[in-house]
PDB file of N, CA and C in Angstrom:
ATOM      1  N   MET A   1     -16.041 -25.309  -8.020  1.00  0.00           N
ATOM      2  CA  MET A   1     -14.708 -26.382  -8.926  1.00  0.00           C
ATOM      3  C   MET A   1     -14.754 -25.757 -10.018  1.00  0.00           C
ATOM      4  N   ALA A   2     -13.773 -24.971 -11.117  1.00  0.00           N
ATOM      5  CA  ALA A   2     -13.692 -24.294 -12.133  1.00  0.00           C
ATOM      6  C   ALA A   2     -14.716 -24.900 -13.187  1.00  0.00           C
ATOM      7  N   ASP A   3     -14.928 -23.824 -13.681  1.00  0.00           N
ATOM      8  CA  ASP A   3     -16.149 -24.801 -15.120  1.00  0.00           C
ATOM      9  C   ASP A   3     -14.673 -25.265 -16.350  1.00  0.00           C
ATOM     10  N   GLN A   4     -14.938 -26.633 -16.910  1.00  0.00           N
ATOM     11  CA  GLN A   4     -13.994 -26.701 -17.805  1.00  0.00           C
ATOM     12  C   GLN A   4     -14.146 -26.165 -18.822  1.00  0.00           C
ATOM     13  N   GLU A   5     -14.670 -25.618 -19.450  1.00  0.00           N
ATOM     14  CA  GLU A   5     -14.973 -24.881 -20.507  1.00  0.00           C
ATOM     15  C   GLU A   5     -13.827 -23.502 -20.287  1.00  0.00           C
ATOM     16  N   LEU A   6     -14.192 -22.996 -19.279  1.00  0.00           N
ATOM     17  CA  LEU A   6     -13.126 -21.916 -19.115  1.00  0.00           C
ATOM     18  C   LEU A   6     -11.863 -22.432 -19.037  1.00  0.00           C
ATOM     19  N   LEU A   7     -11.352 -23.351 -18.271  1.00  0.00           N
ATOM     20  CA  LEU A   7     -10.012 -23.672 -18.329  1.00  0.00           C
ATOM     21  C   LEU A   7      -9.638 -24.253 -19.629  1.00  0.00           C
ATOM     22  N   ASP A   8     -10.634 -24.912 -20.494  1.00  0.00           N
ATOM     23  CA  ASP A   8      -9.878 -24.717 -21.936  1.00  0.00           C
ATOM     24  C   ASP A   8      -9.715 -23.532 -22.438  1.00  0.00           C
ATOM     25  N   LYS A   9     -10.790 -22.851 -22.179  1.00  0.00           N
ATOM     26  CA  LYS A   9     -10.280 -21.253 -22.584  1.00  0.00           C
ATOM     27  C   LYS A   9      -8.753 -20.875 -22.386  1.00  0.00           C
ATOM     28  N   TYR A  10      -8.567 -21.052 -21.321  1.00  0.00           N
ATOM     29  CA  TYR A  10      -7.136 -20.063 -20.851  1.00  0.00           C
ATOM     30  C   TYR A  10      -6.039 -21.396 -20.722  1.00  0.00           C
ATOM     31  N   ALA A  11      -6.195 -22.321 -21.498  1.00  0.00           N
ATOM     32  CA  ALA A  11      -4.899 -23.163 -21.021  1.00  0.00           C
ATOM     33  C   ALA A  11      -3.948 -22.925 -21.698  1.00  0.00           C
ATOM     34  N   PRO A  12      -3.757 -21.978 -22.400  1.00  0.00           N
ATOM     35  CA  PRO A  12      -2.178 -21.416 -23.126  1.00  0.00           C
ATOM     36  C   PRO A  12      -1.611 -20.716 -22.317  1.00  0.00           C
ATOM     37  N   THR A  13      -2.434 -19.679 -21.514  1.00  0.00           N
ATOM     38  CA  THR A  13      -2.393 -18.980 -20.538  1.00  0.00           C
ATOM     39  C   THR A  13      -1.881 -19.742 -19.169  1.00  0.00           C
ATOM     40  N   LEU A  14      -2.513 -20.451 -18.803  1.00  0.00           N
ATOM     41  CA  LEU A  14      -2.086 -21.109 -17.430  1.00  0.00           C
ATOM     42  C   LEU A  14      -1.221 -22.236 -17.523  1.00  0.00           C
ATOM     43  N   ASP A  15      -0.719 -22.620 -18.883  1.00  0.00           N
ATOM     44  CA  ASP A  15       0.480 -23.611 -19.222  1.00  0.00           C
ATOM     45  C   ASP A  15       1.664 -22.907 -19.415  1.00  0.00           C
ATOM     46  N   ALA A  16       1.389 -21.617 -19.457  1.00  0.00           N
ATOM     47  CA  ALA A  16       2.561 -20.658 -19.507  1.00  0.00           C
ATOM     48  C   ALA A  16       3.839 -20.653 -18.434  1.00  0.00           C
ATOM     49  N   MET A  17       4.869 -20.796 -18.766  1.00  0.00           N
ATOM     50  CA  MET A  17       5.721 -20.997 -17.980  1.00  0.00           C
ATOM     51  C   MET A  17       6.190 -20.126 -16.936  1.00  0.00           C
ATOM     52  N   GLU A  18       5.614 -18.807 -17.640  1.00  0.00           N
ATOM     53  CA  GLU A  18       5.581 -17.658 -16.594  1.00  0.00           C
ATOM     54  C   GLU A  18       4.407 -17.173 -15.980  1.00  0.00           C
ATOM     55  N   THR A  19       3.402 -17.924 -15.918  1.00  0.00           N
ATOM     56  CA  THR A  19       2.285 -17.891 -15.494  1.00  0.00           C
ATOM     57  C   THR A  19       2.341 -18.704 -13.716  1.00  0.00           C
ATOM     58  N   LYS A  20       2.554 -17.974 -12.850  1.00  0.00           N
ATOM     59  CA  LYS A  20       2.984 -18.763 -11.746  1.00  0.00           C
ATOM     60  C   LYS A  20       2.157 -18.638 -10.995  1.00  0.00           C
ATOM     61  N   GLU A  21       0.607 -18.322 -10.859  1.00  0.00           N
ATOM     62  CA  GLU A  21      -0.228 -18.289  -9.895  1.00  0.00           C
ATOM     63  C   GLU A  21      -1.468 -17.876 -10.657  1.00  0.00           C
ATOM     64  N   ALA A  22      -2.678 -18.385 -10.759  1.00  0.00           N
ATOM     65  CA  ALA A  22      -3.773 -17.819 -11.401  1.00  0.00           C
ATOM     66  C   ALA A  22      -5.376 -18.347 -10.434  1.00  0.00           C
ATOM     67  N   TYR A  23      -6.267 -17.401 -10.550  1.00  0.00           N
ATOM     68  CA  TYR A  23      -7.712 -17.400  -9.849  1.00  0.00           C
ATOM     69  C   TYR A  23      -8.684 -17.248 -11.098  1.00  0.00           C
ATOM     70  N   LEU A  24      -9.607 -18.062 -10.795  1.00  0.00           N
ATOM     71  CA  LEU A  24     -10.834 -17.482 -11.659  1.00  0.00           C
ATOM     72  C   LEU A  24     -11.873 -16.605 -10.549  1.00  0.00           C
ATOM     73  N   LEU A  25     -12.368 -15.824 -11.061  1.00  0.00           N
ATOM     74  CA  LEU A  25     -13.612 -14.815 -10.718  1.00  0.00           C
ATOM     75  C   LEU A  25     -14.500 -14.299 -11.331  1.00  0.00           C
ATOM     76  N   ASP A  26     -15.442 -14.257 -11.411  1.00  0.00           N
ATOM     77  CA  ASP A  26     -16.638 -14.160 -11.881  1.00  0.00           C
ATOM     78  C   ASP A  26     -16.460 -14.305 -13.665  1.00  0.00           C
ATOM     79  N   GLY A  27     -16.003 -15.577 -13.629  1.00  0.00           N
ATOM     80  CA  GLY A  27     -15.469 -15.868 -15.563  1.00  0.00           C
ATOM     81  C   GLY A  27     -14.142 -15.284 -15.934  1.00  0.00           C
ATOM     82  N   GLU A  28     -13.286 -14.723 -15.079  1.00  0.00           N
ATOM     83  CA  GLU A  28     -12.737 -13.613 -15.682  1.00  0.00           C
ATOM     84  C   GLU A  28     -11.399 -14.646 -14.940  1.00  0.00           C
ATOM     85  N   LEU A  29      -9.944 -14.721 -15.674  1.00  0.00           N
ATOM     86  CA  LEU A  29      -9.110 -15.152 -15.301  1.00  0.00           C
ATOM     87  C   LEU A  29      -7.654 -13.894 -14.934  1.00  0.00           C
ATOM     88  N   TYR A  30      -7.565 -14.221 -13.373  1.00  0.00           N
ATOM     89  CA  TYR A  30      -6.454 -13.149 -12.801  1.00  0.00           C
ATOM     90  C   TYR A  30      -4.766 -14.055 -12.517  1.00  0.00           C
ATOM     91  N   ILE A  31      -4.116 -13.401 -13.387  1.00  0.00           N
ATOM     92  CA  ILE A  31      -2.765 -14.252 -13.259  1.00  0.00           C
ATOM     93  C   ILE A  31      -1.538 -13.227 -12.467  1.00  0.00           C
ATOM     94  N   ARG A  32      -0.949 -14.103 -11.554  1.00  0.00           N
ATOM     95  CA  ARG A  32       0.489 -13.522 -11.695  1.00  0.00           C
ATOM     96  C   ARG A  32       1.750 -13.784 -12.639  1.00  0.00           C
ATOM     97  N   HIS A  33       2.376 -13.266 -13.255  1.00  0.00           N
ATOM     98  CA  HIS A  33       3.255 -13.742 -14.295  1.00  0.00           C
ATOM     99  C   HIS A  33       4.376 -12.930 -13.988  1.00  0.00           C
ATOM    100  N   GLU A  34       5.341 -13.798 -14.063  1.00  0.00           N
ATOM    101  CA  GLU A  34       7.136 -13.711 -14.010  1.00  0.00           C
ATOM    102  C   GLU A  34       7.653 -13.812 -15.174  1.00  0.00           C
ATOM    103  N   PHE A  35       8.513 -12.954 -15.424  1.00  0.00           N
ATOM    104  CA  PHE A  35       9.532 -12.841 -16.585  1.00  0.00           C
ATOM    105  C   PHE A  35      10.736 -12.133 -16.196  1.00  0.00           C
ATOM    106  N   ARG A  36      11.587 -12.620 -16.958  1.00  0.00           N
ATOM    107  CA  ARG A  36      12.895 -12.120 -16.691  1.00  0.00           C
ATOM    108  C   ARG A  36      13.504 -10.827 -17.119  1.00  0.00           C
ATOM    109  N   ASP A  37      13.610  -9.770 -16.787  1.00  0.00           N
ATOM    110  CA  ASP A  37      13.873  -8.371 -17.198  1.00  0.00           C
ATOM    111  C   ASP A  37      15.291  -8.358 -18.173  1.00  0.00           C
ATOM    112  N   PRO A  38      15.660  -8.336 -19.249  1.00  0.00           N
ATOM    113  CA  PRO A  38      16.878  -8.780 -20.031  1.00  0.00           C
ATOM    114  C   PRO A  38      17.438  -7.590 -19.656  1.00  0.00           C
ATOM    115  N   ALA A  39      16.845  -6.239 -19.161  1.00  0.00           N
ATOM    116  CA  ALA A  39      17.788  -4.907 -19.198  1.00  0.00           C
ATOM    117  C   ALA A  39      18.798  -4.973 -17.878  1.00  0.00           C
ATOM    118  N   GLU A  40      17.909  -5.173 -16.701  1.00  0.00           N
ATOM    119  CA  GLU A  40      18.352  -5.226 -15.567  1.00  0.00           C
ATOM    120  C   GLU A  40      18.466  -6.757 -14.972  1.00  0.00           C
ATOM    121  N   LEU A  41      18.784  -7.785 -15.589  1.00  0.00           N
ATOM    122  CA  LEU A  41      18.663  -9.029 -15.525  1.00  0.00           C
ATOM    123  C   LEU A  41      18.095  -9.452 -14.126  1.00  0.00           C
ATOM    124  N   GLN A  42      16.934  -9.020 -13.783  1.00  0.00           N
ATOM    125  CA  GLN A  42      16.415  -9.566 -12.398  1.00  0.00           C
ATOM    126  C   GLN A  42      15.091 -10.299 -12.665  1.00  0.00           C
ATOM    127  N   THR A  43      14.502 -11.018 -11.773  1.00  0.00           N
ATOM    128  CA  THR A  43      13.134 -10.985 -12.473  1.00  0.00           C
ATOM    129  C   THR A  43      12.124 -10.223 -12.185  1.00  0.00           C
ATOM    130  N   ARG A  44      10.974  -9.910 -12.638  1.00  0.00           N
ATOM    131  CA  ARG A  44       9.864  -9.062 -12.401  1.00  0.00           C
ATOM    132  C   ARG A  44       8.602  -9.773 -12.310  1.00  0.00           C
ATOM    133  N   MET A  45       7.900  -8.988 -11.569  1.00  0.00           N
ATOM    134  CA  MET A  45       6.230  -9.747 -11.359  1.00  0.00           C
ATOM    135  C   MET A  45       5.127  -8.770 -11.686  1.00  0.00           C
ATOM    136  N   THR A  46       4.160  -9.053 -12.775  1.00  0.00           N
ATOM    137  CA  THR A  46       3.368  -8.390 -13.045  1.00  0.00           C
ATOM    138  C   THR A  46       2.045  -8.994 -12.668  1.00  0.00           C
ATOM    139  N   TYR A  47       0.817  -8.369 -12.230  1.00  0.00           N
ATOM    140  CA  TYR A  47      -0.260  -8.762 -12.245  1.00  0.00           C
ATOM    141  C   TYR A  47      -1.406  -8.324 -13.409  1.00  0.00           C
ATOM    142  N   HIS A  48      -2.103  -9.383 -13.998  1.00  0.00           N
ATOM    143  CA  HIS A  48      -2.936  -9.134 -14.771  1.00  0.00           C
ATOM    144  C   HIS A  48      -4.330  -9.626 -14.971  1.00  0.00           C
ATOM    145  N   LYS A  49      -5.310  -8.841 -15.449  1.00  0.00           N
ATOM    146  CA  LYS A  49      -6.683  -9.691 -15.622  1.00  0.00           C
ATOM    147  C   LYS A  49      -6.623 -10.262 -17.341  1.00  0.00           C
ATOM    148  N   VAL A  50      -6.933 -11.493 -17.606  1.00  0.00           N
ATOM    149  CA  VAL A  50      -6.678 -11.709 -18.826  1.00  0.00           C
ATOM    150  C   VAL A  50      -8.255 -11.616 -19.845  1.00  0.00           C
ATOM    151  N   GLY A  51      -8.083 -10.952 -20.717  1.00  0.00           N
ATOM    152  CA  GLY A  51      -9.498 -11.315 -20.896  1.00  0.00           C
ATOM    153  C   GLY A  51      -9.743 -12.027 -22.359  1.00  0.00           C
ATOM    154  N   ALA A  52     -10.685 -12.215 -22.858  1.00  0.00           N
ATOM    155  CA  ALA A  52     -11.046 -12.944 -23.876  1.00  0.00           C
ATOM    156  C   ALA A  52     -10.255 -13.402 -25.292  1.00  0.00           C
ATOM    157  N   ASP A  53      -8.996 -12.231 -25.213  1.00  0.00           N
ATOM    158  CA  ASP A  53      -8.469 -12.716 -26.358  1.00  0.00           C
ATOM    159  C   ASP A  53      -7.258 -13.144 -25.892  1.00  0.00           C
ATOM    160  N   ASN A  54      -7.200 -13.810 -24.563  1.00  0.00           N
ATOM    161  CA  ASN A  54      -6.499 -14.642 -23.833  1.00  0.00           C
ATOM    162  C   ASN A  54      -4.892 -14.231 -23.868  1.00  0.00           C
ATOM    163  N   VAL A  55      -4.719 -12.862 -23.896  1.00  0.00           N
ATOM    164  CA  VAL A  55      -3.157 -12.439 -24.455  1.00  0.00           C
ATOM    165  C   VAL A  55      -2.849 -11.601 -23.053  1.00  0.00           C
ATOM    166  N   VAL A  56      -1.497 -11.633 -22.621  1.00  0.00           N
ATOM    167  CA  VAL A  56      -1.009 -11.019 -21.249  1.00  0.00           C
ATOM    168  C   VAL A  56       0.076 -10.115 -22.228  1.00  0.00           C
ATOM    169  N   SER A  57      -0.231  -8.782 -21.640  1.00  0.00           N
ATOM    170  CA  SER A  57       0.469  -7.364 -22.150  1.00  0.00           C
ATOM    171  C   SER A  57       0.230  -6.692 -20.958  1.00  0.00           C
ATOM    172  N   ASN A  58       0.845  -5.522 -21.190  1.00  0.00           N
ATOM    173  CA  ASN A  58       0.797  -3.915 -20.562  1.00  0.00           C
ATOM    174  C   ASN A  58      -0.835  -3.380 -20.373  1.00  0.00           C
ATOM    175  N   ASP A  59      -0.990  -3.911 -21.508  1.00  0.00           N
ATOM    176  CA  ASP A  59      -2.612  -3.416 -21.887  1.00  0.00           C
ATOM    177  C   ASP A  59      -3.808  -4.163 -20.983  1.00  0.00           C
ATOM    178  N   ASN A  60      -3.420  -5.172 -20.069  1.00  0.00           N
ATOM    179  CA  ASN A  60      -4.501  -5.902 -19.138  1.00  0.00           C
ATOM    180  C   ASN A  60      -3.546  -5.622 -17.671  1.00  0.00           C
ATOM    181  N   LEU A  61      -2.492  -4.991 -17.187  1.00  0.00           N
ATOM    182  CA  LEU A  61      -1.978  -4.896 -16.271  1.00  0.00           C
ATOM    183  C   LEU A  61      -3.380  -4.384 -15.034  1.00  0.00           C
ATOM    184  N   ILE A  62      -3.333  -4.741 -13.983  1.00  0.00           N
ATOM    185  CA  ILE A  62      -4.334  -4.902 -12.433  1.00  0.00           C
ATOM    186  C   ILE A  62      -3.444  -4.294 -11.438  1.00  0.00           C
ATOM    187  N   MET A  63      -3.626  -3.289 -10.407  1.00  0.00           N
ATOM    188  CA  MET A  63      -3.265  -3.005  -9.389  1.00  0.00           C
ATOM    189  C   MET A  63      -3.206  -4.300  -8.463  1.00  0.00           C
ATOM    190  N   LEU A  64      -2.142  -3.996  -7.216  1.00  0.00           N
ATOM    191  CA  LEU A  64      -2.196  -4.873  -6.629  1.00  0.00           C
ATOM    192  C   LEU A  64      -3.544  -5.408  -5.630  1.00  0.00           C
ATOM    193  N   GLY A  65      -4.438  -4.437  -5.451  1.00  0.00           N
ATOM    194  CA  GLY A  65      -5.557  -4.861  -4.552  1.00  0.00           C
ATOM    195  C   GLY A  65      -6.593  -5.314  -5.456  1.00  0.00           C
ATOM    196  N   VAL A  66      -6.747  -5.386  -6.656  1.00  0.00           N
ATOM    197  CA  VAL A  66      -7.540  -5.857  -7.696  1.00  0.00           C
ATOM    198  C   VAL A  66      -7.068  -7.552  -7.287  1.00  0.00           C
ATOM    199  N   TRP A  67      -5.682  -7.643  -7.819  1.00  0.00           N
ATOM    200  CA  TRP A  67      -5.043  -9.042  -7.601  1.00  0.00           C
ATOM    201  C   TRP A  67      -5.247  -9.619  -5.901  1.00  0.00           C
ATOM    202  N   ALA A  68      -5.541  -8.983  -4.995  1.00  0.00           N
ATOM    203  CA  ALA A  68      -5.783  -9.318  -3.641  1.00  0.00           C
ATOM    204  C   ALA A  68      -7.204 -10.071  -3.989  1.00  0.00           C
ATOM    205  N   ARG A  69      -7.952  -9.181  -4.054  1.00  0.00           N
ATOM    206  CA  ARG A  69      -9.141  -9.628  -4.148  1.00  0.00           C
ATOM    207  C   ARG A  69      -9.620 -11.022  -4.914  1.00  0.00           C
ATOM    208  N   ALA A  70      -8.825 -10.786  -6.143  1.00  0.00           N
ATOM    209  CA  ALA A  70      -8.933 -12.014  -6.792  1.00  0.00           C
ATOM    210  C   ALA A  70      -8.425 -13.487  -6.119  1.00  0.00           C
ATOM    211  N   GLN A  71      -7.487 -12.919  -5.209  1.00  0.00           N
ATOM    212  CA  GLN A  71      -6.827 -14.072  -4.568  1.00  0.00           C
ATOM    213  C   GLN A  71      -7.409 -14.915  -3.214  1.00  0.00           C
ATOM    214  N   LYS A  72      -8.795 -13.524  -2.784  1.00  0.00           N
ATOM    215  CA  LYS A  72      -9.015 -14.101  -1.495  1.00  0.00           C
ATOM    216  C   LYS A  72     -10.911 -14.602  -1.772  1.00  0.00           C
ATOM    217  N   GLN A  73     -11.144 -14.165  -3.026  1.00  0.00           N
ATOM    218  CA  GLN A  73     -12.496 -14.321  -3.475  1.00  0.00           C
ATOM    219  C   GLN A  73     -12.566 -15.464  -4.736  1.00  0.00           C
ATOM    220  N   GLY A  74     -11.638 -15.634  -5.601  1.00  0.00           N
ATOM    221  CA  GLY A  74     -11.592 -16.530  -6.656  1.00  0.00           C
ATOM    222  C   GLY A  74     -11.300 -17.767  -6.526  1.00  0.00           C
ATOM    223  N   GLU A  75     -11.658 -18.612  -7.173  1.00  0.00           N
ATOM    224  CA  GLU A  75     -10.682 -19.842  -7.402  1.00  0.00           C
ATOM    225  C   GLU A  75      -9.404 -20.159  -7.993  1.00  0.00           C
ATOM    226  N   ARG A  76      -8.675 -20.622  -6.786  1.00  0.00           N
ATOM    227  CA  ARG A  76      -7.072 -21.315  -7.444  1.00  0.00           C
ATOM    228  C   ARG A  76      -7.450 -22.228  -8.459  1.00  0.00           C
ATOM    229  N   VAL A  77      -6.590 -21.914  -9.687  1.00  0.00           N
ATOM    230  CA  VAL A  77      -6.634 -22.681 -10.859  1.00  0.00           C
ATOM    231  C   VAL A  77      -4.802 -23.390 -11.014  1.00  0.00           C
ATOM    232  N   LYS A  78      -4.065 -22.243 -10.725  1.00  0.00           N
ATOM    233  CA  LYS A  78      -2.827 -23.039 -10.539  1.00  0.00           C
ATOM    234  C   LYS A  78      -1.812 -21.926  -9.919  1.00  0.00           C
TER     235      LYS A  78
END
């Protein structure tokens, strides 16, 4: 079971409508983020490792292989 302190720390990110899926692995939060691209008018999916600052940005993008490891070995929290 996920540590309540970690869940509280990442609550704003977990509660965000754009966060579609999330896993905890080794105390780090990995998320699948979906948003509508206004230029192309279609949905985009990105994968992020959320740091201590609890910010989702292009600076914390991860590759699909890292996301797959988080899915396989981590604990699903959303």
